[in-house]
Amino acid sequence: MLSWVVTFLIIALVAGLLGFAGIAGASIEIAKVVFFIAIALFLISAVVSLARGRGNV
């Protein structure tokens, strides 16, 4: 999932350099959303792992 963040970030940077402001803005927003979803899923996974008694995250 974090590879998607990097992909959309690269698309946004390239589109920004070429002057496509709409595509760059949309790609940045998508990258932000995917990044926060990945962080949320990681935190949920860590909490569930700790609740089950497994100390390794």
C-alpha atoms as a PDB file:
ATOM      1  CA  MET A   1       0.000   0.000   0.000  1.00  0.00           C
ATOM      2  CA  LEU A   2       2.874   2.348   0.687  1.00  0.00           C
ATOM      3  CA  SER A   3       4.142   1.686  -2.823  1.00  0.00           C
ATOM      4  CA  TRP A   4       0.885   3.261  -4.063  1.00  0.00           C
ATOM      5  CA  VAL A   5       1.712   6.357  -2.019  1.00  0.00           C
ATOM      6  CA  VAL A   6       5.095   6.617  -3.686  1.00  0.00           C
ATOM      7  CA  THR A   7       3.538   6.024  -7.115  1.00  0.00           C
ATOM      8  CA  PHE A   8       0.958   8.791  -6.703  1.00  0.00           C
ATOM      9  CA  LEU A   9       3.617  11.104  -5.260  1.00  0.00           C
ATOM     10  CA  ILE A  10       5.833  10.565  -8.308  1.00  0.00           C
ATOM     11  CA  ILE A  11       2.855  11.138 -10.630  1.00  0.00           C
ATOM     12  CA  ALA A  12       2.094  14.357  -8.765  1.00  0.00           C
ATOM     13  CA  LEU A  13       5.694  15.571  -8.992  1.00  0.00           C
ATOM     14  CA  VAL A  14       5.950  14.824 -12.706  1.00  0.00           C
ATOM     15  CA  ALA A  15       2.551  16.407 -13.406  1.00  0.00           C
ATOM     16  CA  GLY A  16       3.535  19.445 -11.359  1.00  0.00           C
ATOM     17  CA  LEU A  17       6.761  19.855 -13.313  1.00  0.00           C
ATOM     18  CA  LEU A  18       4.870  19.613 -16.597  1.00  0.00           C
ATOM     19  CA  GLY A  19       2.268  22.143 -15.497  1.00  0.00           C
ATOM     20  CA  PHE A  20      -0.737  19.875 -15.030  1.00  0.00           C
ATOM     21  CA  ALA A  21      -1.986  21.405 -11.776  1.00  0.00           C
ATOM     22  CA  GLY A  22      -5.259  19.468 -11.680  1.00  0.00           C
ATOM     23  CA  ILE A  23      -3.614  16.072 -12.038  1.00  0.00           C
ATOM     24  CA  ALA A  24      -0.873  17.000  -9.571  1.00  0.00           C
ATOM     25  CA  GLY A  25      -3.381  18.127  -6.948  1.00  0.00           C
ATOM     26  CA  ALA A  26      -5.506  15.014  -7.361  1.00  0.00           C
ATOM     27  CA  SER A  27      -2.477  12.740  -7.125  1.00  0.00           C
ATOM     28  CA  ILE A  28      -1.279  14.461  -3.953  1.00  0.00           C
ATOM     29  CA  GLU A  29      -4.716  14.042  -2.371  1.00  0.00           C
ATOM     30  CA  ILE A  30      -4.859  10.362  -3.320  1.00  0.00           C
ATOM     31  CA  ALA A  31      -1.343   9.834  -1.934  1.00  0.00           C
ATOM     32  CA  LYS A  32      -2.365  11.482   1.358  1.00  0.00           C
ATOM     33  CA  VAL A  33      -5.484   9.343   1.704  1.00  0.00           C
ATOM     34  CA  VAL A  34      -3.671   6.093   0.916  1.00  0.00           C
ATOM     35  CA  PHE A  35      -0.870   7.026   3.328  1.00  0.00           C
ATOM     36  CA  PHE A  36      -3.264   7.653   6.207  1.00  0.00           C
ATOM     37  CA  ILE A  37      -5.149   4.432   5.453  1.00  0.00           C
ATOM     38  CA  ALA A  38      -1.848   2.525   5.569  1.00  0.00           C
ATOM     39  CA  ILE A  39      -0.940   4.141   8.908  1.00  0.00           C
ATOM     40  CA  ALA A  40      -4.394   3.340  10.331  1.00  0.00           C
ATOM     41  CA  LEU A  41      -4.176  -0.292   9.218  1.00  0.00           C
ATOM     42  CA  PHE A  42      -0.713  -0.590  10.754  1.00  0.00           C
ATOM     43  CA  LEU A  43      -1.920   0.792  14.078  1.00  0.00           C
ATOM     44  CA  ILE A  44      -4.965  -1.501  14.098  1.00  0.00           C
ATOM     45  CA  SER A  45      -2.720  -4.471  13.317  1.00  0.00           C
ATOM     46  CA  ALA A  46      -0.327  -3.522  16.124  1.00  0.00           C
ATOM     47  CA  VAL A  47      -3.153  -3.142  18.676  1.00  0.00           C
ATOM     48  CA  VAL A  48      -4.755  -6.452  17.693  1.00  0.00           C
ATOM     49  CA  SER A  49      -1.382  -8.189  17.854  1.00  0.00           C
ATOM     50  CA  LEU A  50      -0.717  -6.812  21.326  1.00  0.00           C
ATOM     51  CA  ALA A  51      -4.236  -7.733  22.485  1.00  0.00           C
ATOM     52  CA  ARG A  52      -3.745 -11.333  21.414  1.00  0.00           C
ATOM     53  CA  GLY A  53      -0.624 -11.548  23.535  1.00  0.00           C
ATOM     54  CA  ARG A  54       1.913 -11.600  20.788  1.00  0.00           C
ATOM     55  CA  GLY A  55       4.620  -9.091  21.603  1.00  0.00           C
ATOM     56  CA  ASN A  56       6.163  -9.080  18.141  1.00  0.00           C
ATOM     57  CA  VAL A  57       4.722  -6.351  15.948  1.00  0.00           C
END
